[in-house]
Amino acid sequence: MTTATFRIIRHADGPVFFDDRTITLAEAQIIINDAIARGDLEVGSFLRIDDEELVIEREVAE
């Protein structure tokens, strides 16, 4: 079994958030959690896999 890796994390509206090195999904989640804790991303932001990159989505208010 191989672990999926990703190189790019981008915002859903296009801009690249992370493009530094190849990371696992778990590492990407830690990066996102840290960014939320620092206030760089909104609380409720989450990752979505889109082909070979990760996309940051924002929680939709109902």
C-alpha atoms as a PDB file:
ATOM      1  CA  MET A   1       0.000   0.000   0.000  1.00  0.00           C
ATOM      2  CA  THR A   2       1.311   3.438  -0.906  1.00  0.00           C
ATOM      3  CA  THR A   3       0.504   6.689   0.807  1.00  0.00           C
ATOM      4  CA  ALA A   4      -0.937   9.418  -1.383  1.00  0.00           C
ATOM      5  CA  THR A   5       1.196  12.537  -1.522  1.00  0.00           C
ATOM      6  CA  PHE A   6       0.470  16.037  -2.707  1.00  0.00           C
ATOM      7  CA  ARG A   7       2.602  18.989  -3.758  1.00  0.00           C
ATOM      8  CA  ILE A   8       0.098  21.846  -3.882  1.00  0.00           C
ATOM      9  CA  ILE A   9      -2.588  23.151  -1.552  1.00  0.00           C
ATOM     10  CA  ARG A  10      -4.670  25.903  -3.117  1.00  0.00           C
ATOM     11  CA  HIS A  11      -7.691  27.938  -2.147  1.00  0.00           C
ATOM     12  CA  ALA A  12     -10.970  27.034  -3.862  1.00  0.00           C
ATOM     13  CA  ASP A  13     -10.927  30.431  -5.592  1.00  0.00           C
ATOM     14  CA  GLY A  14      -7.496  29.761  -7.109  1.00  0.00           C
ATOM     15  CA  PRO A  15      -4.512  31.175  -5.192  1.00  0.00           C
ATOM     16  CA  VAL A  16      -1.864  28.713  -4.050  1.00  0.00           C
ATOM     17  CA  PHE A  17      -1.627  28.329  -0.259  1.00  0.00           C
ATOM     18  CA  PHE A  18       1.266  25.837  -0.100  1.00  0.00           C
ATOM     19  CA  ASP A  19       3.797  24.718  -2.726  1.00  0.00           C
ATOM     20  CA  ASP A  20       6.965  23.875  -0.863  1.00  0.00           C
ATOM     21  CA  ARG A  21       7.508  20.106  -0.873  1.00  0.00           C
ATOM     22  CA  THR A  22       5.638  16.842  -1.285  1.00  0.00           C
ATOM     23  CA  ILE A  23       3.449  16.105   1.746  1.00  0.00           C
ATOM     24  CA  THR A  24       0.946  13.504   2.877  1.00  0.00           C
ATOM     25  CA  LEU A  25      -2.697  14.261   3.551  1.00  0.00           C
ATOM     26  CA  ALA A  26      -1.999  14.051   7.294  1.00  0.00           C
ATOM     27  CA  GLU A  27       0.789  16.632   6.997  1.00  0.00           C
ATOM     28  CA  ALA A  28      -1.496  18.868   4.941  1.00  0.00           C
ATOM     29  CA  GLN A  29      -4.163  18.698   7.626  1.00  0.00           C
ATOM     30  CA  ILE A  30      -1.624  19.771  10.260  1.00  0.00           C
ATOM     31  CA  ILE A  31      -0.588  22.721   8.054  1.00  0.00           C
ATOM     32  CA  ILE A  32      -4.246  23.748   7.673  1.00  0.00           C
ATOM     33  CA  ASN A  33      -4.961  23.334  11.404  1.00  0.00           C
ATOM     34  CA  ASP A  34      -1.945  25.499  12.266  1.00  0.00           C
ATOM     35  CA  ALA A  35      -3.100  28.164   9.789  1.00  0.00           C
ATOM     36  CA  ILE A  36      -6.571  28.172  11.372  1.00  0.00           C
ATOM     37  CA  ALA A  37      -5.030  28.489  14.850  1.00  0.00           C
ATOM     38  CA  ARG A  38      -2.913  31.470  13.669  1.00  0.00           C
ATOM     39  CA  GLY A  39      -5.969  33.108  12.110  1.00  0.00           C
ATOM     40  CA  ASP A  40      -4.644  32.771   8.538  1.00  0.00           C
ATOM     41  CA  LEU A  41      -7.644  30.616   7.545  1.00  0.00           C
ATOM     42  CA  GLU A  42     -11.242  30.746   8.693  1.00  0.00           C
ATOM     43  CA  VAL A  43     -12.480  28.337  11.335  1.00  0.00           C
ATOM     44  CA  GLY A  44     -14.378  25.606   9.495  1.00  0.00           C
ATOM     45  CA  SER A  45     -11.972  25.492   6.543  1.00  0.00           C
ATOM     46  CA  PHE A  46     -11.311  21.980   5.309  1.00  0.00           C
ATOM     47  CA  LEU A  47      -9.380  20.096   2.623  1.00  0.00           C
ATOM     48  CA  ARG A  48     -10.810  18.480  -0.474  1.00  0.00           C
ATOM     49  CA  ILE A  49      -8.814  16.220  -2.809  1.00  0.00           C
ATOM     50  CA  ASP A  50      -8.999  17.448  -6.411  1.00  0.00           C
ATOM     51  CA  ASP A  51      -7.038  15.150  -8.732  1.00  0.00           C
ATOM     52  CA  GLU A  52      -3.422  15.527  -7.614  1.00  0.00           C
ATOM     53  CA  GLU A  53      -3.739  18.616  -5.441  1.00  0.00           C
ATOM     54  CA  LEU A  54      -5.569  19.660  -2.309  1.00  0.00           C
ATOM     55  CA  VAL A  55      -8.128  22.443  -2.211  1.00  0.00           C
ATOM     56  CA  ILE A  56      -9.073  24.512   0.834  1.00  0.00           C
ATOM     57  CA  GLU A  57     -12.825  24.902   1.072  1.00  0.00           C
ATOM     58  CA  ARG A  58     -14.659  27.105   3.512  1.00  0.00           C
ATOM     59  CA  GLU A  59     -17.609  25.978   5.585  1.00  0.00           C
ATOM     60  CA  VAL A  60     -20.820  27.226   4.020  1.00  0.00           C
ATOM     61  CA  ALA A  61     -23.143  29.049   6.404  1.00  0.00           C
ATOM     62  CA  GLU A  62     -26.707  27.777   6.286  1.00  0.00           C
END
